[in-house]
């Protein structure tokens, strides 16, 4: 069972990107990473010693952090919007 189906990806890109095919904008990528981070966090609550997943989670968090930093430097309004929509905190 795959938790991230093509339909779910489309839905995320449609909601946070410019269109459902907008896979490259920082907002859509941040939203996708956030969805995956939440899923992996739930997995790790059950499987505490799954260190492979733990490493993948940390890499995803770093990627999302770098994208957020990029967005903050280049367009503060878009940054504030995505942080508010996804309920992220620094």
PDB file of N, CA and C in Angstrom:
ATOM      1  N   UNK A   1       0.840  -1.189   0.000  1.00  0.00           N
ATOM      2  CA  UNK A   1       0.000   0.000   0.000  1.00  0.00           C
ATOM      3  C   UNK A   1       0.881   1.246   0.000  1.00  0.00           C
ATOM      4  N   UNK A   2       0.737   2.041  -1.006  1.00  0.00           N
ATOM      5  CA  UNK A   2       1.529   3.254  -1.129  1.00  0.00           C
ATOM      6  C   UNK A   2       0.731   4.429  -0.563  1.00  0.00           C
ATOM      7  N   UNK A   3       1.332   5.139   0.373  1.00  0.00           N
ATOM      8  CA  UNK A   3       0.605   6.248   1.000  1.00  0.00           C
ATOM      9  C   UNK A   3       0.561   7.486   0.119  1.00  0.00           C
ATOM     10  N   UNK A   4       1.496   7.606  -0.825  1.00  0.00           N
ATOM     11  CA  UNK A   4       1.561   8.794  -1.671  1.00  0.00           C
ATOM     12  C   UNK A   4       1.228   8.392  -3.112  1.00  0.00           C
ATOM     13  N   UNK A   5      -0.054   8.411  -3.438  1.00  0.00           N
ATOM     14  CA  UNK A   5      -0.499   8.022  -4.768  1.00  0.00           C
ATOM     15  C   UNK A   5      -0.364   9.202  -5.729  1.00  0.00           C
ATOM     16  N   UNK A   6      -0.480   8.929  -6.994  1.00  0.00           N
ATOM     17  CA  UNK A   6      -0.410   9.985  -8.009  1.00  0.00           C
ATOM     18  C   UNK A   6      -1.542  10.991  -7.804  1.00  0.00           C
ATOM     19  N   UNK A   7      -2.712  10.486  -7.394  1.00  0.00           N
ATOM     20  CA  UNK A   7      -3.851  11.373  -7.158  1.00  0.00           C
ATOM     21  C   UNK A   7      -3.564  12.319  -5.988  1.00  0.00           C
ATOM     22  N   UNK A   8      -2.949  11.788  -4.940  1.00  0.00           N
ATOM     23  CA  UNK A   8      -2.635  12.611  -3.769  1.00  0.00           C
ATOM     24  C   UNK A   8      -1.617  13.692  -4.142  1.00  0.00           C
ATOM     25  N   UNK A   9      -0.623  13.325  -4.942  1.00  0.00           N
ATOM     26  CA  UNK A   9       0.372  14.300  -5.398  1.00  0.00           C
ATOM     27  C   UNK A   9      -0.304  15.406  -6.204  1.00  0.00           C
ATOM     28  N   UNK A  10      -1.175  15.014  -7.128  1.00  0.00           N
ATOM     29  CA  UNK A  10      -1.899  15.986  -7.951  1.00  0.00           C
ATOM     30  C   UNK A  10      -2.692  16.942  -7.074  1.00  0.00           C
ATOM     31  N   UNK A  11      -3.349  16.373  -6.075  1.00  0.00           N
ATOM     32  CA  UNK A  11      -4.162  17.176  -5.158  1.00  0.00           C
ATOM     33  C   UNK A  11      -3.285  18.201  -4.415  1.00  0.00           C
ATOM     34  N   UNK A  12      -2.120  17.773  -3.955  1.00  0.00           N
ATOM     35  CA  UNK A  12      -1.195  18.672  -3.247  1.00  0.00           C
ATOM     36  C   UNK A  12      -0.714  19.775  -4.183  1.00  0.00           C
ATOM     37  N   UNK A  13      -0.316  19.390  -5.410  1.00  0.00           N
ATOM     38  CA  UNK A  13       0.190  20.379  -6.364  1.00  0.00           C
ATOM     39  C   UNK A  13      -0.900  21.361  -6.771  1.00  0.00           C
ATOM     40  N   UNK A  14      -2.146  20.876  -6.869  1.00  0.00           N
ATOM     41  CA  UNK A  14      -3.268  21.739  -7.244  1.00  0.00           C
ATOM     42  C   UNK A  14      -3.553  22.756  -6.142  1.00  0.00           C
ATOM     43  N   UNK A  15      -3.471  22.294  -4.889  1.00  0.00           N
ATOM     44  CA  UNK A  15      -3.799  23.165  -3.763  1.00  0.00           C
ATOM     45  C   UNK A  15      -2.713  24.212  -3.506  1.00  0.00           C
ATOM     46  N   UNK A  16      -1.443  23.812  -3.580  1.00  0.00           N
ATOM     47  CA  UNK A  16      -0.364  24.711  -3.183  1.00  0.00           C
ATOM     48  C   UNK A  16       0.425  25.279  -4.358  1.00  0.00           C
ATOM     49  N   UNK A  17       0.382  24.612  -5.519  1.00  0.00           N
ATOM     50  CA  UNK A  17       1.090  25.112  -6.682  1.00  0.00           C
ATOM     51  C   UNK A  17       0.195  26.001  -7.521  1.00  0.00           C
ATOM     52  N   UNK A  18       0.679  26.349  -8.702  1.00  0.00           N
ATOM     53  CA  UNK A  18      -0.116  27.190  -9.596  1.00  0.00           C
ATOM     54  C   UNK A  18      -1.146  26.364 -10.361  1.00  0.00           C
ATOM     55  N   UNK A  19      -0.841  25.074 -10.572  1.00  0.00           N
ATOM     56  CA  UNK A  19      -1.765  24.157 -11.240  1.00  0.00           C
ATOM     57  C   UNK A  19      -1.442  22.748 -10.770  1.00  0.00           C
ATOM     58  N   UNK A  20      -2.217  21.764 -11.230  1.00  0.00           N
ATOM     59  CA  UNK A  20      -1.950  20.397 -10.781  1.00  0.00           C
ATOM     60  C   UNK A  20      -0.700  19.795 -11.428  1.00  0.00           C
ATOM     61  N   UNK A  21      -0.141  20.464 -12.437  1.00  0.00           N
ATOM     62  CA  UNK A  21       1.101  19.979 -13.045  1.00  0.00           C
ATOM     63  C   UNK A  21       2.304  20.804 -12.589  1.00  0.00           C
ATOM     64  N   UNK A  22       2.067  21.769 -11.696  1.00  0.00           N
ATOM     65  CA  UNK A  22       3.140  22.632 -11.201  1.00  0.00           C
ATOM     66  C   UNK A  22       3.912  21.901 -10.103  1.00  0.00           C
ATOM     67  N   UNK A  23       4.890  21.096 -10.506  1.00  0.00           N
ATOM     68  CA  UNK A  23       5.639  20.294  -9.542  1.00  0.00           C
ATOM     69  C   UNK A  23       6.923  20.980  -9.105  1.00  0.00           C
ATOM     70  N   UNK A  24       7.283  22.088  -9.724  1.00  0.00           N
ATOM     71  CA  UNK A  24       8.581  22.682  -9.461  1.00  0.00           C
ATOM     72  C   UNK A  24       8.575  23.893  -8.556  1.00  0.00           C
ATOM     73  N   UNK A  25       7.419  24.498  -8.315  1.00  0.00           N
ATOM     74  CA  UNK A  25       7.413  25.705  -7.496  1.00  0.00           C
ATOM     75  C   UNK A  25       7.771  25.347  -6.052  1.00  0.00           C
ATOM     76  N   UNK A  26       8.457  26.247  -5.358  1.00  0.00           N
ATOM     77  CA  UNK A  26       8.844  25.954  -3.971  1.00  0.00           C
ATOM     78  C   UNK A  26       7.648  25.617  -3.084  1.00  0.00           C
ATOM     79  N   UNK A  27       6.526  26.316  -3.285  1.00  0.00           N
ATOM     80  CA  UNK A  27       5.355  26.059  -2.444  1.00  0.00           C
ATOM     81  C   UNK A  27       4.858  24.624  -2.581  1.00  0.00           C
ATOM     82  N   UNK A  28       4.763  24.154  -3.821  1.00  0.00           N
ATOM     83  CA  UNK A  28       4.257  22.793  -4.030  1.00  0.00           C
ATOM     84  C   UNK A  28       5.238  21.758  -3.483  1.00  0.00           C
ATOM     85  N   UNK A  29       6.541  22.017  -3.633  1.00  0.00           N
ATOM     86  CA  UNK A  29       7.537  21.079  -3.103  1.00  0.00           C
ATOM     87  C   UNK A  29       7.510  21.055  -1.578  1.00  0.00           C
ATOM     88  N   UNK A  30       7.396  22.226  -0.970  1.00  0.00           N
ATOM     89  CA  UNK A  30       7.340  22.305   0.492  1.00  0.00           C
ATOM     90  C   UNK A  30       6.108  21.560   1.003  1.00  0.00           C
ATOM     91  N   UNK A  31       4.987  21.723   0.325  1.00  0.00           N
ATOM     92  CA  UNK A  31       3.753  21.032   0.729  1.00  0.00           C
ATOM     93  C   UNK A  31       3.920  19.517   0.616  1.00  0.00           C
ATOM     94  N   UNK A  32       4.548  19.070  -0.466  1.00  0.00           N
ATOM     95  CA  UNK A  32       4.770  17.631  -0.659  1.00  0.00           C
ATOM     96  C   UNK A  32       5.709  17.088   0.412  1.00  0.00           C
ATOM     97  N   UNK A  33       6.795  17.802   0.681  1.00  0.00           N
ATOM     98  CA  UNK A  33       7.734  17.373   1.723  1.00  0.00           C
ATOM     99  C   UNK A  33       7.041  17.324   3.076  1.00  0.00           C
ATOM    100  N   UNK A  34       6.185  18.299   3.361  1.00  0.00           N
ATOM    101  CA  UNK A  34       5.477  18.334   4.642  1.00  0.00           C
ATOM    102  C   UNK A  34       4.562  17.131   4.792  1.00  0.00           C
ATOM    103  N   UNK A  35       3.878  16.763   3.706  1.00  0.00           N
ATOM    104  CA  UNK A  35       3.005  15.592   3.736  1.00  0.00           C
ATOM    105  C   UNK A  35       3.821  14.329   4.045  1.00  0.00           C
ATOM    106  N   UNK A  36       4.969  14.208   3.364  1.00  0.00           N
ATOM    107  CA  UNK A  36       5.827  13.037   3.577  1.00  0.00           C
ATOM    108  C   UNK A  36       6.420  13.029   4.983  1.00  0.00           C
ATOM    109  N   UNK A  37       6.813  14.211   5.474  1.00  0.00           N
ATOM    110  CA  UNK A  37       7.374  14.311   6.819  1.00  0.00           C
ATOM    111  C   UNK A  37       6.345  13.870   7.854  1.00  0.00           C
ATOM    112  N   UNK A  38       5.098  14.314   7.698  1.00  0.00           N
ATOM    113  CA  UNK A  38       4.045  13.916   8.640  1.00  0.00           C
ATOM    114  C   UNK A  38       3.832  12.409   8.623  1.00  0.00           C
ATOM    115  N   UNK A  39       3.860  11.820   7.423  1.00  0.00           N
ATOM    116  CA  UNK A  39       3.680  10.374   7.307  1.00  0.00           C
ATOM    117  C   UNK A  39       4.816   9.627   8.005  1.00  0.00           C
ATOM    118  N   UNK A  40       6.056  10.049   7.743  1.00  0.00           N
ATOM    119  CA  UNK A  40       7.207   9.365   8.343  1.00  0.00           C
ATOM    120  C   UNK A  40       7.233   9.553   9.862  1.00  0.00           C
ATOM    121  N   UNK A  41       6.785  10.694  10.335  1.00  0.00           N
ATOM    122  CA  UNK A  41       6.732  10.938  11.775  1.00  0.00           C
ATOM    123  C   UNK A  41       5.776   9.948  12.442  1.00  0.00           C
ATOM    124  N   UNK A  42       4.621   9.745  11.815  1.00  0.00           N
ATOM    125  CA  UNK A  42       3.656   8.779  12.356  1.00  0.00           C
ATOM    126  C   UNK A  42       4.249   7.366  12.341  1.00  0.00           C
ATOM    127  N   UNK A  43       4.957   7.016  11.274  1.00  0.00           N
ATOM    128  CA  UNK A  43       5.589   5.699  11.158  1.00  0.00           C
ATOM    129  C   UNK A  43       6.605   5.504  12.292  1.00  0.00           C
ATOM    130  N   UNK A  44       7.393   6.541  12.561  1.00  0.00           N
ATOM    131  CA  UNK A  44       8.433   6.419  13.583  1.00  0.00           C
ATOM    132  C   UNK A  44       7.872   6.364  15.000  1.00  0.00           C
ATOM    133  N   UNK A  45       6.647   6.848  15.196  1.00  0.00           N
ATOM    134  CA  UNK A  45       6.034   6.734  16.525  1.00  0.00           C
ATOM    135  C   UNK A  45       5.786   5.269  16.867  1.00  0.00           C
ATOM    136  N   UNK A  46       5.502   4.472  15.831  1.00  0.00           N
ATOM    137  CA  UNK A  46       5.244   3.047  16.030  1.00  0.00           C
ATOM    138  C   UNK A  46       6.554   2.249  15.981  1.00  0.00           C
ATOM    139  N   UNK A  47       7.407   2.565  15.003  1.00  0.00           N
ATOM    140  CA  UNK A  47       8.652   1.819  14.772  1.00  0.00           C
ATOM    141  C   UNK A  47       9.842   2.678  15.190  1.00  0.00           C
ATOM    142  N   UNK A  48      10.079   2.754  16.496  1.00  0.00           N
ATOM    143  CA  UNK A  48      11.086   3.662  17.031  1.00  0.00           C
ATOM    144  C   UNK A  48      12.508   3.375  16.545  1.00  0.00           C
ATOM    145  N   UNK A  49      12.820   2.126  16.270  1.00  0.00           N
ATOM    146  CA  UNK A  49      14.195   1.777  15.927  1.00  0.00           C
ATOM    147  C   UNK A  49      14.442   1.672  14.422  1.00  0.00           C
ATOM    148  N   UNK A  50      13.554   2.201  13.627  1.00  0.00           N
ATOM    149  CA  UNK A  50      13.711   2.189  12.165  1.00  0.00           C
ATOM    150  C   UNK A  50      14.627   3.353  11.768  1.00  0.00           C
ATOM    151  N   UNK A  51      15.932   3.092  11.814  1.00  0.00           N
ATOM    152  CA  UNK A  51      16.896   4.175  11.620  1.00  0.00           C
ATOM    153  C   UNK A  51      17.004   4.619  10.172  1.00  0.00           C
ATOM    154  N   UNK A  52      16.681   3.752   9.243  1.00  0.00           N
ATOM    155  CA  UNK A  52      16.670   4.145   7.831  1.00  0.00           C
ATOM    156  C   UNK A  52      15.613   5.204   7.568  1.00  0.00           C
ATOM    157  N   UNK A  53      14.439   4.971   8.118  1.00  0.00           N
ATOM    158  CA  UNK A  53      13.353   5.942   7.985  1.00  0.00           C
ATOM    159  C   UNK A  53      13.694   7.227   8.722  1.00  0.00           C
ATOM    160  N   UNK A  54      14.352   7.093   9.873  1.00  0.00           N
ATOM    161  CA  UNK A  54      14.735   8.270  10.643  1.00  0.00           C
ATOM    162  C   UNK A  54      15.690   9.150   9.838  1.00  0.00           C
ATOM    163  N   UNK A  55      16.634   8.514   9.147  1.00  0.00           N
ATOM    164  CA  UNK A  55      17.589   9.260   8.330  1.00  0.00           C
ATOM    165  C   UNK A  55      16.869   9.939   7.157  1.00  0.00           C
ATOM    166  N   UNK A  56      15.956   9.218   6.527  1.00  0.00           N
ATOM    167  CA  UNK A  56      15.188   9.791   5.415  1.00  0.00           C
ATOM    168  C   UNK A  56      14.372  10.993   5.889  1.00  0.00           C
ATOM    169  N   UNK A  57      13.802  10.888   7.081  1.00  0.00           N
ATOM    170  CA  UNK A  57      13.022  11.988   7.653  1.00  0.00           C
ATOM    171  C   UNK A  57      13.904  13.220   7.861  1.00  0.00           C
ATOM    172  N   UNK A  58      15.088  13.024   8.414  1.00  0.00           N
ATOM    173  CA  UNK A  58      15.989  14.150   8.656  1.00  0.00           C
ATOM    174  C   UNK A  58      16.429  14.800   7.350  1.00  0.00           C
ATOM    175  N   UNK A  59      16.659  13.991   6.324  1.00  0.00           N
ATOM    176  CA  UNK A  59      17.040  14.544   5.014  1.00  0.00           C
ATOM    177  C   UNK A  59      15.891  15.378   4.437  1.00  0.00           C
ATOM    178  N   UNK A  60      14.659  14.876   4.570  1.00  0.00           N
ATOM    179  CA  UNK A  60      13.485  15.612   4.078  1.00  0.00           C
ATOM    180  C   UNK A  60      13.303  16.933   4.813  1.00  0.00           C
ATOM    181  N   UNK A  61      13.497  16.895   6.131  1.00  0.00           N
ATOM    182  CA  UNK A  61      13.359  18.122   6.916  1.00  0.00           C
ATOM    183  C   UNK A  61      14.388  19.149   6.454  1.00  0.00           C
ATOM    184  N   UNK A  62      15.608  18.698   6.176  1.00  0.00           N
ATOM    185  CA  UNK A  62      16.658  19.594   5.691  1.00  0.00           C
ATOM    186  C   UNK A  62      16.326  20.184   4.333  1.00  0.00           C
ATOM    187  N   UNK A  63      15.800  19.349   3.448  1.00  0.00           N
ATOM    188  CA  UNK A  63      15.402  19.833   2.119  1.00  0.00           C
ATOM    189  C   UNK A  63      14.318  20.893   2.227  1.00  0.00           C
ATOM    190  N   UNK A  64      13.317  20.619   3.082  1.00  0.00           N
ATOM    191  CA  UNK A  64      12.226  21.569   3.259  1.00  0.00           C
ATOM    192  C   UNK A  64      12.741  22.872   3.866  1.00  0.00           C
ATOM    193  N   UNK A  65      13.660  22.764   4.821  1.00  0.00           N
ATOM    194  CA  UNK A  65      14.242  23.943   5.455  1.00  0.00           C
ATOM    195  C   UNK A  65      14.969  24.813   4.428  1.00  0.00           C
ATOM    196  N   UNK A  66      15.759  24.168   3.538  1.00  0.00           N
ATOM    197  CA  UNK A  66      16.488  24.912   2.509  1.00  0.00           C
ATOM    198  C   UNK A  66      15.535  25.601   1.546  1.00  0.00           C
ATOM    199  N   UNK A  67      14.450  24.923   1.166  1.00  0.00           N
ATOM    200  CA  UNK A  67      13.460  25.540   0.287  1.00  0.00           C
ATOM    201  C   UNK A  67      12.771  26.718   0.969  1.00  0.00           C
ATOM    202  N   UNK A  68      12.469  26.563   2.243  1.00  0.00           N
ATOM    203  CA  UNK A  68      11.846  27.662   2.984  1.00  0.00           C
ATOM    204  C   UNK A  68      12.796  28.853   3.089  1.00  0.00           C
ATOM    205  N   UNK A  69      14.081  28.577   3.318  1.00  0.00           N
ATOM    206  CA  UNK A  69      15.069  29.659   3.380  1.00  0.00           C
ATOM    207  C   UNK A  69      15.170  30.379   2.049  1.00  0.00           C
ATOM    208  N   UNK A  70      15.155  29.600   0.964  1.00  0.00           N
ATOM    209  CA  UNK A  70      15.208  30.184  -0.383  1.00  0.00           C
ATOM    210  C   UNK A  70      14.012  31.105  -0.611  1.00  0.00           C
ATOM    211  N   UNK A  71      12.843  30.617  -0.256  1.00  0.00           N
ATOM    212  CA  UNK A  71      11.616  31.386  -0.458  1.00  0.00           C
ATOM    213  C   UNK A  71      11.626  32.647   0.409  1.00  0.00           C
ATOM    214  N   UNK A  72      12.128  32.523   1.628  1.00  0.00           N
ATOM    215  CA  UNK A  72      12.189  33.662   2.541  1.00  0.00           C
ATOM    216  C   UNK A  72      13.099  34.761   1.980  1.00  0.00           C
ATOM    217  N   UNK A  73      14.223  34.364   1.380  1.00  0.00           N
ATOM    218  CA  UNK A  73      15.158  35.339   0.815  1.00  0.00           C
ATOM    219  C   UNK A  73      14.596  36.023  -0.419  1.00  0.00           C
ATOM    220  N   UNK A  74      13.866  35.273  -1.251  1.00  0.00           N
ATOM    221  CA  UNK A  74      13.449  35.796  -2.549  1.00  0.00           C
ATOM    222  C   UNK A  74      12.048  36.398  -2.585  1.00  0.00           C
ATOM    223  N   UNK A  75      11.141  35.894  -1.764  1.00  0.00           N
ATOM    224  CA  UNK A  75       9.777  36.424  -1.772  1.00  0.00           C
ATOM    225  C   UNK A  75       9.132  36.176  -0.410  1.00  0.00           C
ATOM    226  N   UNK A  76       9.272  37.149   0.485  1.00  0.00           N
ATOM    227  CA  UNK A  76       8.829  36.988   1.870  1.00  0.00           C
ATOM    228  C   UNK A  76       7.321  36.761   1.977  1.00  0.00           C
ATOM    229  N   UNK A  77       6.541  37.344   1.066  1.00  0.00           N
ATOM    230  CA  UNK A  77       5.085  37.174   1.124  1.00  0.00           C
ATOM    231  C   UNK A  77       4.683  35.732   0.824  1.00  0.00           C
ATOM    232  N   UNK A  78       5.291  35.142  -0.200  1.00  0.00           N
ATOM    233  CA  UNK A  78       5.008  33.734  -0.530  1.00  0.00           C
ATOM    234  C   UNK A  78       5.435  32.834   0.636  1.00  0.00           C
ATOM    235  N   UNK A  79       6.569  33.169   1.261  1.00  0.00           N
ATOM    236  CA  UNK A  79       7.059  32.416   2.413  1.00  0.00           C
ATOM    237  C   UNK A  79       6.034  32.449   3.543  1.00  0.00           C
ATOM    238  N   UNK A  80       5.560  33.662   3.872  1.00  0.00           N
ATOM    239  CA  UNK A  80       4.584  33.803   4.965  1.00  0.00           C
ATOM    240  C   UNK A  80       3.296  33.046   4.659  1.00  0.00           C
ATOM    241  N   UNK A  81       2.876  33.094   3.405  1.00  0.00           N
ATOM    242  CA  UNK A  81       1.644  32.407   3.005  1.00  0.00           C
ATOM    243  C   UNK A  81       1.761  30.900   3.203  1.00  0.00           C
ATOM    244  N   UNK A  82       2.856  30.297   2.712  1.00  0.00           N
ATOM    245  CA  UNK A  82       2.995  28.833   2.789  1.00  0.00           C
ATOM    246  C   UNK A  82       3.187  28.388   4.239  1.00  0.00           C
ATOM    247  N   UNK A  83       3.916  29.164   5.038  1.00  0.00           N
ATOM    248  CA  UNK A  83       4.109  28.807   6.443  1.00  0.00           C
ATOM    249  C   UNK A  83       2.777  28.830   7.180  1.00  0.00           C
ATOM    250  N   UNK A  84       1.958  29.824   6.865  1.00  0.00           N
ATOM    251  CA  UNK A  84       0.647  29.931   7.518  1.00  0.00           C
ATOM    252  C   UNK A  84      -0.284  28.789   7.082  1.00  0.00           C
ATOM    253  N   UNK A  85      -0.298  28.489   5.771  1.00  0.00           N
ATOM    254  CA  UNK A  85      -1.185  27.437   5.256  1.00  0.00           C
ATOM    255  C   UNK A  85      -0.837  26.066   5.830  1.00  0.00           C
ATOM    256  N   UNK A  86       0.458  25.785   5.969  1.00  0.00           N
ATOM    257  CA  UNK A  86       0.885  24.465   6.426  1.00  0.00           C
ATOM    258  C   UNK A  86       1.106  24.389   7.937  1.00  0.00           C
ATOM    259  N   UNK A  87       0.878  25.508   8.637  1.00  0.00           N
ATOM    260  CA  UNK A  87       1.090  25.571  10.082  1.00  0.00           C
ATOM    261  C   UNK A  87       2.504  25.142  10.468  1.00  0.00           C
ATOM    262  N   UNK A  88       3.481  25.695   9.773  1.00  0.00           N
ATOM    263  CA  UNK A  88       4.876  25.392  10.076  1.00  0.00           C
ATOM    264  C   UNK A  88       5.399  26.426  11.051  1.00  0.00           C
ATOM    265  N   UNK A  89       6.406  26.067  11.794  1.00  0.00           N
ATOM    266  CA  UNK A  89       7.051  27.036  12.677  1.00  0.00           C
ATOM    267  C   UNK A  89       8.552  26.837  12.557  1.00  0.00           C
ATOM    268  N   UNK A  90       9.264  27.896  12.794  1.00  0.00           N
ATOM    269  CA  UNK A  90      10.721  27.778  12.671  1.00  0.00           C
ATOM    270  C   UNK A  90      11.311  27.391  13.996  1.00  0.00           C
TER     271      UNK A  90
END
